[in-house]
Structures are given as C-alpha cells and as structure tokens.
C-alpha atoms as a PDB file:
ATOM      1  CA  MET A   1       6.284  -8.372 -14.171  1.00  0.00           C
ATOM      2  CA  GLY A   2       2.607  -9.008 -13.461  1.00  0.00           C
ATOM      3  CA  LEU A   3      -0.329  -6.682 -13.121  1.00  0.00           C
ATOM      4  CA  ARG A   4       0.308  -3.392 -11.332  1.00  0.00           C
ATOM      5  CA  PHE A   5      -1.901  -1.197  -9.189  1.00  0.00           C
ATOM      6  CA  ARG A   6      -2.791   1.991 -11.052  1.00  0.00           C
ATOM      7  CA  GLY A   7      -5.009   4.970 -10.297  1.00  0.00           C
ATOM      8  CA  GLU A   8      -6.563   6.689  -7.312  1.00  0.00           C
ATOM      9  CA  SER A   9     -10.055   6.907  -5.860  1.00  0.00           C
ATOM     10  CA  HIS A  10     -12.142   7.911  -2.860  1.00  0.00           C
ATOM     11  CA  HIS A  11     -14.351   5.415  -1.010  1.00  0.00           C
ATOM     12  CA  LYS A  12     -16.727   5.641   1.928  1.00  0.00           C
ATOM     13  CA  VAL A  13     -15.758   3.857   5.151  1.00  0.00           C
ATOM     14  CA  ASP A  14     -18.693   2.613   7.219  1.00  0.00           C
ATOM     15  CA  ALA A  15     -18.898   2.423  11.029  1.00  0.00           C
ATOM     16  CA  LYS A  16     -17.611  -1.165  10.998  1.00  0.00           C
ATOM     17  CA  GLY A  17     -14.519  -0.178   9.005  1.00  0.00           C
ATOM     18  CA  ARG A  18     -15.672  -1.682   5.715  1.00  0.00           C
ATOM     19  CA  VAL A  19     -14.435   0.055   2.589  1.00  0.00           C
ATOM     20  CA  SER A  20     -14.800  -0.960  -1.061  1.00  0.00           C
ATOM     21  CA  ILE A  21     -11.579  -1.755  -2.883  1.00  0.00           C
ATOM     22  CA  PRO A  22     -11.403  -0.397  -6.458  1.00  0.00           C
ATOM     23  CA  ALA A  23     -12.309  -3.193  -8.901  1.00  0.00           C
ATOM     24  CA  SER A  24      -9.017  -2.856 -10.789  1.00  0.00           C
ATOM     25  CA  PHE A  25      -7.140  -3.251  -7.483  1.00  0.00           C
ATOM     26  CA  ARG A  26      -9.076  -6.438  -6.693  1.00  0.00           C
ATOM     27  CA  ARG A  27      -7.895  -7.952  -9.990  1.00  0.00           C
ATOM     28  CA  VAL A  28      -4.270  -7.226  -9.073  1.00  0.00           C
ATOM     29  CA  LEU A  29      -4.780  -8.706  -5.587  1.00  0.00           C
ATOM     30  CA  ALA A  30      -6.192 -11.894  -7.136  1.00  0.00           C
ATOM     31  CA  ALA A  31      -3.317 -12.137  -9.629  1.00  0.00           C
ATOM     32  CA  GLY A  32      -0.812 -11.648  -6.782  1.00  0.00           C
ATOM     33  CA  ASP A  33      -2.268 -14.380  -4.553  1.00  0.00           C
ATOM     34  CA  PRO A  34      -0.849 -17.818  -5.472  1.00  0.00           C
ATOM     35  CA  GLU A  35      -3.720 -19.535  -3.619  1.00  0.00           C
ATOM     36  CA  TRP A  36      -6.474 -17.593  -5.394  1.00  0.00           C
ATOM     37  CA  THR A  37      -8.775 -19.375  -7.843  1.00  0.00           C
ATOM     38  CA  GLU A  38     -12.070 -18.334  -9.412  1.00  0.00           C
ATOM     39  CA  GLY A  39     -14.733 -18.092  -6.715  1.00  0.00           C
ATOM     40  CA  LEU A  40     -12.305 -17.396  -3.857  1.00  0.00           C
ATOM     41  CA  ASN A  41     -11.518 -14.028  -2.293  1.00  0.00           C
ATOM     42  CA  PRO A  42      -7.915 -12.837  -2.634  1.00  0.00           C
ATOM     43  CA  ASN A  43      -5.652 -12.457   0.384  1.00  0.00           C
ATOM     44  CA  LEU A  44      -3.487  -9.441   1.103  1.00  0.00           C
ATOM     45  CA  VAL A  45      -1.370  -7.954   3.884  1.00  0.00           C
ATOM     46  CA  VAL A  46      -1.945  -4.460   5.268  1.00  0.00           C
ATOM     47  CA  VAL A  47       1.252  -3.001   6.746  1.00  0.00           C
ATOM     48  CA  TYR A  48       0.595  -0.166   9.177  1.00  0.00           C
ATOM     49  CA  GLY A  49       4.169   0.249  10.439  1.00  0.00           C
ATOM     50  CA  ASP A  50       5.607   2.686  12.933  1.00  0.00           C
ATOM     51  CA  HIS A  51       4.247   5.930  14.380  1.00  0.00           C
ATOM     52  CA  ARG A  52       5.615   8.020  11.490  1.00  0.00           C
ATOM     53  CA  ARG A  53       3.545   6.228   8.860  1.00  0.00           C
ATOM     54  CA  ASN A  54       0.307   8.140   8.171  1.00  0.00           C
ATOM     55  CA  TYR A  55      -1.154   5.567   5.791  1.00  0.00           C
ATOM     56  CA  LEU A  56      -1.813   1.863   5.395  1.00  0.00           C
ATOM     57  CA  GLU A  57       0.156   0.026   2.708  1.00  0.00           C
ATOM     58  CA  CYS A  58      -1.543  -2.971   1.110  1.00  0.00           C
ATOM     59  CA  TYR A  59       0.597  -5.731  -0.382  1.00  0.00           C
ATOM     60  CA  THR A  60      -0.351  -8.639  -2.594  1.00  0.00           C
ATOM     61  CA  ILE A  61       0.816 -11.979  -1.236  1.00  0.00           C
ATOM     62  CA  ASP A  62       3.508 -12.108  -3.930  1.00  0.00           C
ATOM     63  CA  ALA A  63       4.761  -8.595  -3.053  1.00  0.00           C
ATOM     64  CA  ILE A  64       4.944  -9.220   0.708  1.00  0.00           C
ATOM     65  CA  THR A  65       6.656 -12.564   0.041  1.00  0.00           C
ATOM     66  CA  GLU A  66       9.318 -10.705  -1.940  1.00  0.00           C
ATOM     67  CA  VAL A  67       9.838  -8.312   0.986  1.00  0.00           C
ATOM     68  CA  ASP A  68      10.012 -11.258   3.425  1.00  0.00           C
ATOM     69  CA  GLU A  69      12.597 -12.997   1.241  1.00  0.00           C
ATOM     70  CA  GLN A  70      14.752  -9.856   1.162  1.00  0.00           C
ATOM     71  CA  ILE A  71      14.511  -9.498   4.942  1.00  0.00           C
ATOM     72  CA  ALA A  72      15.538 -13.143   5.338  1.00  0.00           C
ATOM     73  CA  THR A  73      18.818 -12.442   3.511  1.00  0.00           C
ATOM     74  CA  LEU A  74      19.931 -10.153   6.352  1.00  0.00           C
ATOM     75  CA  PRO A  75      22.004 -11.744   9.115  1.00  0.00           C
ATOM     76  CA  ARG A  76      19.826 -13.432  11.723  1.00  0.00           C
ATOM     77  CA  GLY A  77      19.963 -11.415  14.932  1.00  0.00           C
ATOM     78  CA  SER A  78      21.083  -8.208  13.210  1.00  0.00           C
ATOM     79  CA  MET A  79      19.337  -5.001  14.239  1.00  0.00           C
ATOM     80  CA  GLU A  80      18.299  -4.329  10.627  1.00  0.00           C
ATOM     81  CA  ARG A  81      16.624  -7.725  10.311  1.00  0.00           C
ATOM     82  CA  ARG A  82      14.883  -7.415  13.688  1.00  0.00           C
ATOM     83  CA  MET A  83      13.537  -3.966  12.896  1.00  0.00           C
ATOM     84  CA  LEU A  84      12.341  -4.909   9.412  1.00  0.00           C
ATOM     85  CA  GLU A  85      10.672  -8.048  10.788  1.00  0.00           C
ATOM     86  CA  ARG A  86       8.855  -5.916  13.349  1.00  0.00           C
ATOM     87  CA  LEU A  87       7.796  -3.312  10.795  1.00  0.00           C
ATOM     88  CA  PHE A  88       6.671  -5.751   8.079  1.00  0.00           C
ATOM     89  CA  ASN A  89       5.653  -8.833  10.046  1.00  0.00           C
ATOM     90  CA  GLY A  90       4.678  -7.576  13.485  1.00  0.00           C
ATOM     91  CA  GLN A  91       3.046  -4.322  12.425  1.00  0.00           C
ATOM     92  CA  SER A  92       0.896  -5.833   9.714  1.00  0.00           C
ATOM     93  CA  HIS A  93      -2.575  -7.285   9.321  1.00  0.00           C
ATOM     94  CA  PRO A  94      -3.129 -10.305   7.052  1.00  0.00           C
ATOM     95  CA  THR A  95      -6.661 -10.171   5.660  1.00  0.00           C
ATOM     96  CA  GLN A  96      -8.885 -11.042   2.737  1.00  0.00           C
ATOM     97  CA  VAL A  97     -11.207  -9.186   0.402  1.00  0.00           C
ATOM     98  CA  ASP A  98     -14.786  -9.986   1.439  1.00  0.00           C
ATOM     99  CA  ASP A  99     -17.531 -11.379  -0.828  1.00  0.00           C
ATOM    100  CA  THR A 100     -18.677  -7.870  -1.801  1.00  0.00           C
ATOM    101  CA  GLY A 101     -15.204  -6.581  -2.746  1.00  0.00           C
ATOM    102  CA  ARG A 102     -14.610  -4.747   0.502  1.00  0.00           C
ATOM    103  CA  LEU A 103     -11.790  -4.640   3.001  1.00  0.00           C
ATOM    104  CA  VAL A 104     -12.565  -4.597   6.715  1.00  0.00           C
ATOM    105  CA  LEU A 105     -10.106  -2.318   8.489  1.00  0.00           C
ATOM    106  CA  PRO A 106      -9.826  -3.000  12.225  1.00  0.00           C
ATOM    107  CA  GLN A 107     -10.438  -0.104  14.610  1.00  0.00           C
ATOM    108  CA  LYS A 108      -6.737  -0.031  15.574  1.00  0.00           C
ATOM    109  CA  LEU A 109      -5.688   0.628  11.969  1.00  0.00           C
ATOM    110  CA  ARG A 110      -8.391   3.245  11.383  1.00  0.00           C
ATOM    111  CA  GLU A 111      -7.416   5.062  14.581  1.00  0.00           C
ATOM    112  CA  LYS A 112      -3.722   4.968  13.659  1.00  0.00           C
ATOM    113  CA  ILE A 113      -4.310   7.073  10.541  1.00  0.00           C
ATOM    114  CA  GLY A 114      -7.412   8.918  11.784  1.00  0.00           C
ATOM    115  CA  LEU A 115      -9.615   7.281   9.162  1.00  0.00           C
ATOM    116  CA  GLU A 116     -13.337   7.880   9.340  1.00  0.00           C
ATOM    117  CA  GLY A 117     -15.988   8.568   6.742  1.00  0.00           C
ATOM    118  CA  GLU A 118     -13.845   8.469   3.599  1.00  0.00           C
ATOM    119  CA  ALA A 119     -10.629   6.788   2.491  1.00  0.00           C
ATOM    120  CA  PHE A 120      -8.307   7.824  -0.321  1.00  0.00           C
ATOM    121  CA  PHE A 121      -6.732   4.955  -2.284  1.00  0.00           C
ATOM    122  CA  ILE A 122      -3.630   5.548  -4.393  1.00  0.00           C
ATOM    123  CA  ALA A 123      -1.723   2.989  -6.436  1.00  0.00           C
ATOM    124  CA  THR A 124       2.031   2.659  -6.015  1.00  0.00           C
ATOM    125  CA  GLY A 125       2.799  -0.087  -8.527  1.00  0.00           C
ATOM    126  CA  ASP A 126       3.173  -3.310  -6.583  1.00  0.00           C
ATOM    127  CA  THR A 127       1.272  -1.958  -3.540  1.00  0.00           C
ATOM    128  CA  PHE A 128      -1.501   0.508  -2.871  1.00  0.00           C
ATOM    129  CA  GLN A 129      -1.944   2.919  -0.011  1.00  0.00           C
ATOM    130  CA  ILE A 130      -4.997   3.924   1.996  1.00  0.00           C
ATOM    131  CA  TRP A 131      -4.974   7.453   3.411  1.00  0.00           C
ATOM    132  CA  LYS A 132      -7.268   9.721   5.321  1.00  0.00           C
ATOM    133  CA  THR A 133      -8.241  12.080   2.490  1.00  0.00           C
ATOM    134  CA  GLU A 134      -7.312  15.234   4.377  1.00  0.00           C
ATOM    135  CA  THR A 135      -3.875  13.871   5.312  1.00  0.00           C
ATOM    136  CA  TRP A 136      -3.157  12.982   1.691  1.00  0.00           C
ATOM    137  CA  GLU A 137      -4.217  16.399   0.468  1.00  0.00           C
ATOM    138  CA  SER A 138      -2.331  18.386   3.103  1.00  0.00           C
ATOM    139  CA  GLU A 139       0.889  16.350   3.295  1.00  0.00           C
ATOM    140  CA  GLU A 140       1.577  14.105   0.329  1.00  0.00           C
ATOM    141  CA  GLN A 141       0.147  16.200  -2.445  1.00  0.00           C
ATOM    142  CA  ALA A 142       2.228  19.123  -1.155  1.00  0.00           C
ATOM    143  CA  LYS A 143       5.380  16.943  -1.172  1.00  0.00           C
ATOM    144  CA  THR A 144       4.820  16.007  -4.810  1.00  0.00           C
ATOM    145  CA  GLU A 145       4.211  19.607  -5.807  1.00  0.00           C
ATOM    146  CA  ALA A 146       7.309  20.808  -3.899  1.00  0.00           C
ATOM    147  CA  TRP A 147       9.427  18.089  -5.528  1.00  0.00           C
ATOM    148  CA  LEU A 148       8.235  19.073  -8.998  1.00  0.00           C
ATOM    149  CA  GLU A 149       8.970  22.755  -8.271  1.00  0.00           C
ATOM    150  CA  GLU A 150      12.676  21.845  -8.041  1.00  0.00           C
ATOM    151  CA  PHE A 151      12.701  21.122 -11.786  1.00  0.00           C
ATOM    152  CA  PRO A 152      12.301  23.393 -14.814  1.00  0.00           C
ATOM    153  CA  GLU A 153       8.805  24.019 -16.227  1.00  0.00           C
ATOM    154  CA  ASP A 154       9.400  21.653 -19.189  1.00  0.00           C
ATOM    155  CA  PHE A 155      10.720  18.813 -16.968  1.00  0.00           C
ATOM    156  CA  ASP A 156       9.591  15.317 -17.975  1.00  0.00           C
ATOM    157  CA  PRO A 157       9.788  12.898 -14.993  1.00  0.00           C
ATOM    158  CA  LEU A 158      10.525   9.996 -17.355  1.00  0.00           C
ATOM    159  CA  ILE A 159      14.067  11.340 -17.746  1.00  0.00           C
ATOM    160  CA  LEU A 160      14.737  10.017 -14.231  1.00  0.00           C
ATOM    161  CA  LEU A 161      14.355   6.481 -15.593  1.00  0.00           C
ATOM    162  CA  ASP A 162      17.120   7.142 -18.119  1.00  0.00           C
ATOM    163  CA  ARG A 163      19.344   8.419 -15.312  1.00  0.00           C
ATOM    164  CA  ALA A 164      18.660   5.270 -13.277  1.00  0.00           C
ATOM    165  CA  ARG A 165      19.772   3.064 -16.165  1.00  0.00           C
ATOM    166  CA  GLU A 166      22.956   5.112 -16.606  1.00  0.00           C
ATOM    167  CA  GLY A 167      23.831   4.984 -12.887  1.00  0.00           C
END
C-alpha cells in the first residue's frame, strides 16, 4: 500500500474556481500518478457523480485505474457496468494540479455542490473529498456523530477492524 491521504483543511476558492490543494495531498497525488516525474504536475480525476452526491471525490490515477479495472470485470452490457461507467467515467473530470499547487474546479462542478468562497478538504485514504464547508458541517459531521452515539461511551472504533478480519 502506498501513501494515503490524511487530514482535513479549509481553503479559499477564487472566482475562477482555483483552490489550493493541501501539500501533503499533492505528494500522494504525485505518488499515485505513474506518469509523474520531478518537475511535472500530477494528474488526478475528480468524480462528481449523480445528483445525490454533495461533494467532489478526487482520485489518484492509480486509484481510479483500480476502480476502472473492477468495473471492467462486470459483464459487458450489464446494467451494473453501464451505470458504474457513467458514474465513474462519464461524470468525472480528468485534470492536473497547476504549477502553484492548485486545482481549477470548473463552474459546473462548483455549482453542483454549491461551492463558493471556501472549500473543505477531507482525506478518505485512497481518495479525498471536497465539500462546501456548510454542507459538511450540517450533514456529514452530524452523520458521524449519530453513528458514534450508537456505541457505548468507551467504544474504540478500531474494534471494527478486528470484526472485519473475523468475518
């Protein structure tokens, strides 16, 4: 397993849709781009998906290739394969980090998630997500807190990893 995205941060989005990518995220993007070499800007794929998705999910080239390979194992012509191809190939934006470490988000993507002024970045291991700060705070943070409330006060989430190995 290679480098992973870790952490969260807030970044300003300018009128042209440019937003700085956290430096640690840029290192993971470079490591996950087989064509990257010193002096080049890493490539990535931004998946914006269907109408229910309130965030943009950013994949390294290696991570999106893994998803593409898994989709390709489904029977050609099957509904599952068609839908996944649309969601991950059709509803995505291949792009590159610019020379100043920023990502340029097209107007269509910013409008889809209502992004203006500030973006919230959160790592999810082999991808990272970009959210409108207010959406993250009102929806996703509440989901995490509600999920944790289902467990006892002394609950350690790492126990779930032991259960996964047992299952």
